[in-house]
Structures are given as C-alpha cells and as structure tokens.
Amino acid sequence: MKIRSVEPRDRQAWAAMRAELWPNQDSDLLAHQTLLHFSGVKLAEAVFISEDVDGSACGFLELSVRTSAEGCSASPVPFVEGWYVSPIARHKGAGRALMSAAEHWAIMRNFTEIASNTQVEDAQSQGAHAALGYEEVERVVTFRKSLRV
C-alpha cells in the first residue's frame, strides 16, 4: 500500500471518493473544491492518497489544522476532516496507512495531539478509530433553527 500526497492527476478520483464519503453533499461542489485546491485555494493543510497495487487511488485523508478540537488540550490541533477508503480496498491496511501518514505529518510539525470525528450512527468508523488508538471524548447533539419567516 503506497501513501503519498495528492497530485493534480488524482483530482477526478479524489472528487469521486469525496462524493462517496459525503453522499448528501453536492458532488459538483465537492469536485470544484478539488479544482480550487490545485489552484492555490487549499482545501486542507495536507491531503494524502492511498494507491492500490496497480497505482490507482483507492482512498484519501484530508487534514486541516483547527484552533481547537473537542477533548484536546493543545491549540492548534490537526484535524482529520475526511477519511475514506473504497470498499474494495478496505481491510487491507489503507485506512491505517492514511492515518499513520496524517499522524507523521503532525508529529513532524511538533503537534502533540490529533483529532477526528464521525457520525454517531457510524459504528464502522468508530471501530476503525478505536482500533487505531483514538479515544472517544464527546458526543454532540447539533441543533438548527430556520430564521426565515
């Protein structure tokens, strides 16, 4: 399993994987964001791609740096904004390798913590995080109110 930084040649595959990870988002917007990333408007501090044996992109991880994150005492803190491995590449080490790349990136920049999140109902992602040594620190209930009359 090869892990590397995202390159312009990955744009279409990266956009497609983002649409798989976030199916409720506008896929055109997700694709446009990848285009902006390569135009100098960085989508994330670091984006890692996992390649399968034939060199095809089969996963990605987007890492930002936030001023704070739930459960973290350090500030700022690297934050995993998106972590995806295509179904055919799962359970082969790609997810672990992507997280290791993010952690290495953070360590090399003297960060002392890294954070991530997932949906409350996503037991698979919660299990993957736990298997990699991440501890659950909080559950959040989010509210909204329409201000249109």
C-alpha atoms as a PDB file:
ATOM      1  CA  MET A   1       0.000   0.000   0.000  1.00  0.00           C
ATOM      2  CA  LYS A   2       1.540   3.283  -1.084  1.00  0.00           C
ATOM      3  CA  ILE A   3       0.595   6.562   0.614  1.00  0.00           C
ATOM      4  CA  ARG A   4       1.557   9.889  -0.927  1.00  0.00           C
ATOM      5  CA  SER A   5       0.457  13.498  -1.112  1.00  0.00           C
ATOM      6  CA  VAL A   6      -2.365  14.262  -3.508  1.00  0.00           C
ATOM      7  CA  GLU A   7      -1.298  15.326  -7.004  1.00  0.00           C
ATOM      8  CA  PRO A   8      -3.207  17.047  -9.828  1.00  0.00           C
ATOM      9  CA  ARG A   9      -3.554  13.697 -11.635  1.00  0.00           C
ATOM     10  CA  ASP A  10      -5.662  12.482  -8.669  1.00  0.00           C
ATOM     11  CA  ARG A  11      -8.306  15.175  -8.988  1.00  0.00           C
ATOM     12  CA  GLN A  12     -11.058  13.107 -10.605  1.00  0.00           C
ATOM     13  CA  ALA A  13     -10.528  10.069  -8.383  1.00  0.00           C
ATOM     14  CA  TRP A  14     -10.289  12.274  -5.294  1.00  0.00           C
ATOM     15  CA  ALA A  15     -13.506  14.091  -6.242  1.00  0.00           C
ATOM     16  CA  ALA A  16     -15.307  10.777  -6.812  1.00  0.00           C
ATOM     17  CA  MET A  17     -14.163   9.428  -3.443  1.00  0.00           C
ATOM     18  CA  ARG A  18     -15.257  12.652  -1.720  1.00  0.00           C
ATOM     19  CA  ALA A  19     -18.713  12.168  -3.250  1.00  0.00           C
ATOM     20  CA  GLU A  20     -18.755   8.605  -1.873  1.00  0.00           C
ATOM     21  CA  LEU A  21     -17.777   9.806   1.600  1.00  0.00           C
ATOM     22  CA  TRP A  22     -20.250  12.690   1.630  1.00  0.00           C
ATOM     23  CA  PRO A  23     -23.224  11.468  -0.467  1.00  0.00           C
ATOM     24  CA  ASN A  24     -25.547  14.168   0.892  1.00  0.00           C
ATOM     25  CA  GLN A  25     -23.315  16.946  -0.404  1.00  0.00           C
ATOM     26  CA  ASP A  26     -23.429  18.449  -3.888  1.00  0.00           C
ATOM     27  CA  SER A  27     -20.977  16.337  -5.919  1.00  0.00           C
ATOM     28  CA  ASP A  28     -20.280  19.246  -8.288  1.00  0.00           C
ATOM     29  CA  LEU A  29     -19.265  21.407  -5.323  1.00  0.00           C
ATOM     30  CA  LEU A  30     -17.067  18.632  -3.925  1.00  0.00           C
ATOM     31  CA  ALA A  31     -15.355  18.298  -7.317  1.00  0.00           C
ATOM     32  CA  HIS A  32     -14.978  22.079  -7.648  1.00  0.00           C
ATOM     33  CA  GLN A  33     -13.264  22.182  -4.249  1.00  0.00           C
ATOM     34  CA  THR A  34     -10.612  19.756  -5.511  1.00  0.00           C
ATOM     35  CA  LEU A  35     -10.021  22.010  -8.511  1.00  0.00           C
ATOM     36  CA  LEU A  36      -9.630  25.005  -6.200  1.00  0.00           C
ATOM     37  CA  HIS A  37      -7.151  23.043  -4.079  1.00  0.00           C
ATOM     38  CA  PHE A  38      -4.817  22.748  -7.067  1.00  0.00           C
ATOM     39  CA  SER A  39      -5.396  26.397  -7.986  1.00  0.00           C
ATOM     40  CA  GLY A  40      -3.878  27.604  -4.726  1.00  0.00           C
ATOM     41  CA  VAL A  41      -7.001  27.769  -2.547  1.00  0.00           C
ATOM     42  CA  LYS A  42      -6.035  24.931  -0.238  1.00  0.00           C
ATOM     43  CA  LEU A  43      -8.868  22.670   0.807  1.00  0.00           C
ATOM     44  CA  ALA A  44      -6.737  21.225   3.603  1.00  0.00           C
ATOM     45  CA  GLU A  45      -3.265  21.549   5.097  1.00  0.00           C
ATOM     46  CA  ALA A  46      -2.445  18.083   3.789  1.00  0.00           C
ATOM     47  CA  VAL A  47      -4.222  15.567   1.585  1.00  0.00           C
ATOM     48  CA  PHE A  48      -2.963  12.006   1.377  1.00  0.00           C
ATOM     49  CA  ILE A  49      -3.873   9.419  -1.255  1.00  0.00           C
ATOM     50  CA  SER A  50      -3.595   5.660  -0.913  1.00  0.00           C
ATOM     51  CA  GLU A  51      -2.763   3.687  -4.045  1.00  0.00           C
ATOM     52  CA  ASP A  52      -3.603   0.068  -4.713  1.00  0.00           C
ATOM     53  CA  VAL A  53      -1.140  -2.326  -6.374  1.00  0.00           C
ATOM     54  CA  ASP A  54      -1.879  -1.014  -9.877  1.00  0.00           C
ATOM     55  CA  GLY A  55      -1.311   2.602  -8.800  1.00  0.00           C
ATOM     56  CA  SER A  56      -4.975   3.612  -8.743  1.00  0.00           C
ATOM     57  CA  ALA A  57      -6.177   5.913  -5.975  1.00  0.00           C
ATOM     58  CA  CYS A  58      -8.246   3.870  -3.525  1.00  0.00           C
ATOM     59  CA  GLY A  59      -8.506   6.192  -0.525  1.00  0.00           C
ATOM     60  CA  PHE A  60      -7.798   9.651   0.807  1.00  0.00           C
ATOM     61  CA  LEU A  61      -7.396  11.612   4.005  1.00  0.00           C
ATOM     62  CA  GLU A  62      -7.867  15.383   4.302  1.00  0.00           C
ATOM     63  CA  LEU A  63      -6.118  17.004   7.254  1.00  0.00           C
ATOM     64  CA  SER A  64      -6.729  20.548   8.461  1.00  0.00           C
ATOM     65  CA  VAL A  65      -5.425  22.480  11.440  1.00  0.00           C
ATOM     66  CA  ARG A  66      -8.131  23.850  13.720  1.00  0.00           C
ATOM     67  CA  THR A  67      -7.718  26.321  16.551  1.00  0.00           C
ATOM     68  CA  SER A  68      -9.326  23.766  18.862  1.00  0.00           C
ATOM     69  CA  ALA A  69     -10.988  20.363  18.883  1.00  0.00           C
ATOM     70  CA  GLU A  70     -13.256  18.676  21.397  1.00  0.00           C
ATOM     71  CA  GLY A  71     -11.296  16.788  24.039  1.00  0.00           C
ATOM     72  CA  CYS A  72      -7.925  18.265  23.067  1.00  0.00           C
ATOM     73  CA  SER A  73      -5.864  20.443  25.377  1.00  0.00           C
ATOM     74  CA  ALA A  74      -3.466  21.622  22.678  1.00  0.00           C
ATOM     75  CA  SER A  75      -4.140  24.504  20.337  1.00  0.00           C
ATOM     76  CA  PRO A  76      -3.937  24.475  17.401  1.00  0.00           C
ATOM     77  CA  VAL A  77      -4.652  20.818  16.601  1.00  0.00           C
ATOM     78  CA  PRO A  78      -4.528  18.804  13.358  1.00  0.00           C
ATOM     79  CA  PHE A  79      -8.000  17.525  12.483  1.00  0.00           C
ATOM     80  CA  VAL A  80      -8.970  14.712  10.134  1.00  0.00           C
ATOM     81  CA  GLU A  81     -11.713  16.329   8.053  1.00  0.00           C
ATOM     82  CA  GLY A  82     -12.230  13.413   5.697  1.00  0.00           C
ATOM     83  CA  TRP A  83     -11.024   9.790   5.721  1.00  0.00           C
ATOM     84  CA  TYR A  84     -12.172   7.354   3.069  1.00  0.00           C
ATOM     85  CA  VAL A  85     -11.122   4.012   1.643  1.00  0.00           C
ATOM     86  CA  SER A  86     -13.001   2.497  -1.297  1.00  0.00           C
ATOM     87  CA  PRO A  87     -14.927  -0.668  -0.395  1.00  0.00           C
ATOM     88  CA  ILE A  88     -12.708  -2.979  -2.475  1.00  0.00           C
ATOM     89  CA  ALA A  89      -9.597  -1.706  -0.668  1.00  0.00           C
ATOM     90  CA  ARG A  90     -10.924  -1.949   2.890  1.00  0.00           C
ATOM     91  CA  HIS A  91      -9.422  -4.280   5.493  1.00  0.00           C
ATOM     92  CA  LYS A  92      -6.080  -4.223   3.669  1.00  0.00           C
ATOM     93  CA  GLY A  93      -4.317  -1.533   5.704  1.00  0.00           C
ATOM     94  CA  ALA A  94      -5.114   1.540   3.604  1.00  0.00           C
ATOM     95  CA  GLY A  95      -7.074   3.309   6.339  1.00  0.00           C
ATOM     96  CA  ARG A  96      -4.375   2.642   8.916  1.00  0.00           C
ATOM     97  CA  ALA A  97      -1.675   3.805   6.497  1.00  0.00           C
ATOM     98  CA  LEU A  98      -3.553   7.031   5.730  1.00  0.00           C
ATOM     99  CA  MET A  99      -3.965   7.795   9.442  1.00  0.00           C
ATOM    100  CA  SER A 100      -0.286   6.993  10.034  1.00  0.00           C
ATOM    101  CA  ALA A 101       0.662   9.489   7.318  1.00  0.00           C
ATOM    102  CA  ALA A 102      -1.504  12.161   8.970  1.00  0.00           C
ATOM    103  CA  GLU A 103      -0.013  11.425  12.385  1.00  0.00           C
ATOM    104  CA  HIS A 104       3.520  11.543  10.974  1.00  0.00           C
ATOM    105  CA  TRP A 105       2.736  14.874   9.282  1.00  0.00           C
ATOM    106  CA  ALA A 106       1.535  16.242  12.648  1.00  0.00           C
ATOM    107  CA  ILE A 107       4.498  14.894  14.633  1.00  0.00           C
ATOM    108  CA  MET A 108       6.973  16.391  12.146  1.00  0.00           C
ATOM    109  CA  ARG A 109       5.365  19.787  12.801  1.00  0.00           C
ATOM    110  CA  ASN A 110       5.573  19.404  16.589  1.00  0.00           C
ATOM    111  CA  PHE A 111       1.863  18.920  17.227  1.00  0.00           C
ATOM    112  CA  THR A 112       1.098  16.882  20.349  1.00  0.00           C
ATOM    113  CA  GLU A 113      -2.456  15.757  19.551  1.00  0.00           C
ATOM    114  CA  ILE A 114      -4.569  14.915  16.535  1.00  0.00           C
ATOM    115  CA  ALA A 115      -8.365  14.802  16.385  1.00  0.00           C
ATOM    116  CA  SER A 116     -11.098  13.375  14.212  1.00  0.00           C
ATOM    117  CA  ASN A 117     -14.835  12.857  14.308  1.00  0.00           C
ATOM    118  CA  THR A 118     -17.552  10.710  12.813  1.00  0.00           C
ATOM    119  CA  GLN A 119     -21.304  10.428  12.867  1.00  0.00           C
ATOM    120  CA  VAL A 120     -22.893   8.940  15.996  1.00  0.00           C
ATOM    121  CA  GLU A 121     -24.516   6.197  13.912  1.00  0.00           C
ATOM    122  CA  ASP A 122     -21.317   5.247  12.027  1.00  0.00           C
ATOM    123  CA  ALA A 123     -20.205   2.252  14.084  1.00  0.00           C
ATOM    124  CA  GLN A 124     -17.743   1.133  11.386  1.00  0.00           C
ATOM    125  CA  SER A 125     -15.826   4.414  11.529  1.00  0.00           C
ATOM    126  CA  GLN A 126     -15.955   4.463  15.323  1.00  0.00           C
ATOM    127  CA  GLY A 127     -14.470   0.964  15.384  1.00  0.00           C
ATOM    128  CA  ALA A 128     -11.745   1.935  12.924  1.00  0.00           C
ATOM    129  CA  HIS A 129     -10.805   4.958  15.030  1.00  0.00           C
ATOM    130  CA  ALA A 130     -10.722   2.865  18.218  1.00  0.00           C
ATOM    131  CA  ALA A 131      -8.583   0.195  16.538  1.00  0.00           C
ATOM    132  CA  LEU A 132      -6.024   2.907  15.742  1.00  0.00           C
ATOM    133  CA  GLY A 133      -5.855   4.133  19.331  1.00  0.00           C
ATOM    134  CA  TYR A 134      -8.238   7.075  19.105  1.00  0.00           C
ATOM    135  CA  GLU A 135     -10.365   7.604  22.202  1.00  0.00           C
ATOM    136  CA  GLU A 136     -13.921   8.860  22.140  1.00  0.00           C
ATOM    137  CA  VAL A 137     -14.058  12.143  24.024  1.00  0.00           C
ATOM    138  CA  GLU A 138     -17.517  13.542  23.376  1.00  0.00           C
ATOM    139  CA  ARG A 139     -20.875  13.015  21.674  1.00  0.00           C
ATOM    140  CA  VAL A 140     -22.604  16.048  20.249  1.00  0.00           C
ATOM    141  CA  VAL A 141     -26.220  16.854  19.541  1.00  0.00           C
ATOM    142  CA  THR A 142     -26.484  19.534  16.864  1.00  0.00           C
ATOM    143  CA  PHE A 143     -29.446  21.889  16.581  1.00  0.00           C
ATOM    144  CA  ARG A 144     -30.730  24.239  13.895  1.00  0.00           C
ATOM    145  CA  LYS A 145     -33.492  26.786  13.617  1.00  0.00           C
ATOM    146  CA  SER A 146     -34.764  28.367  10.434  1.00  0.00           C
ATOM    147  CA  LEU A 147     -34.762  32.159  10.573  1.00  0.00           C
ATOM    148  CA  ARG A 148     -36.952  32.581   7.504  1.00  0.00           C
ATOM    149  CA  VAL A 149     -40.489  33.675   8.179  1.00  0.00           C
END
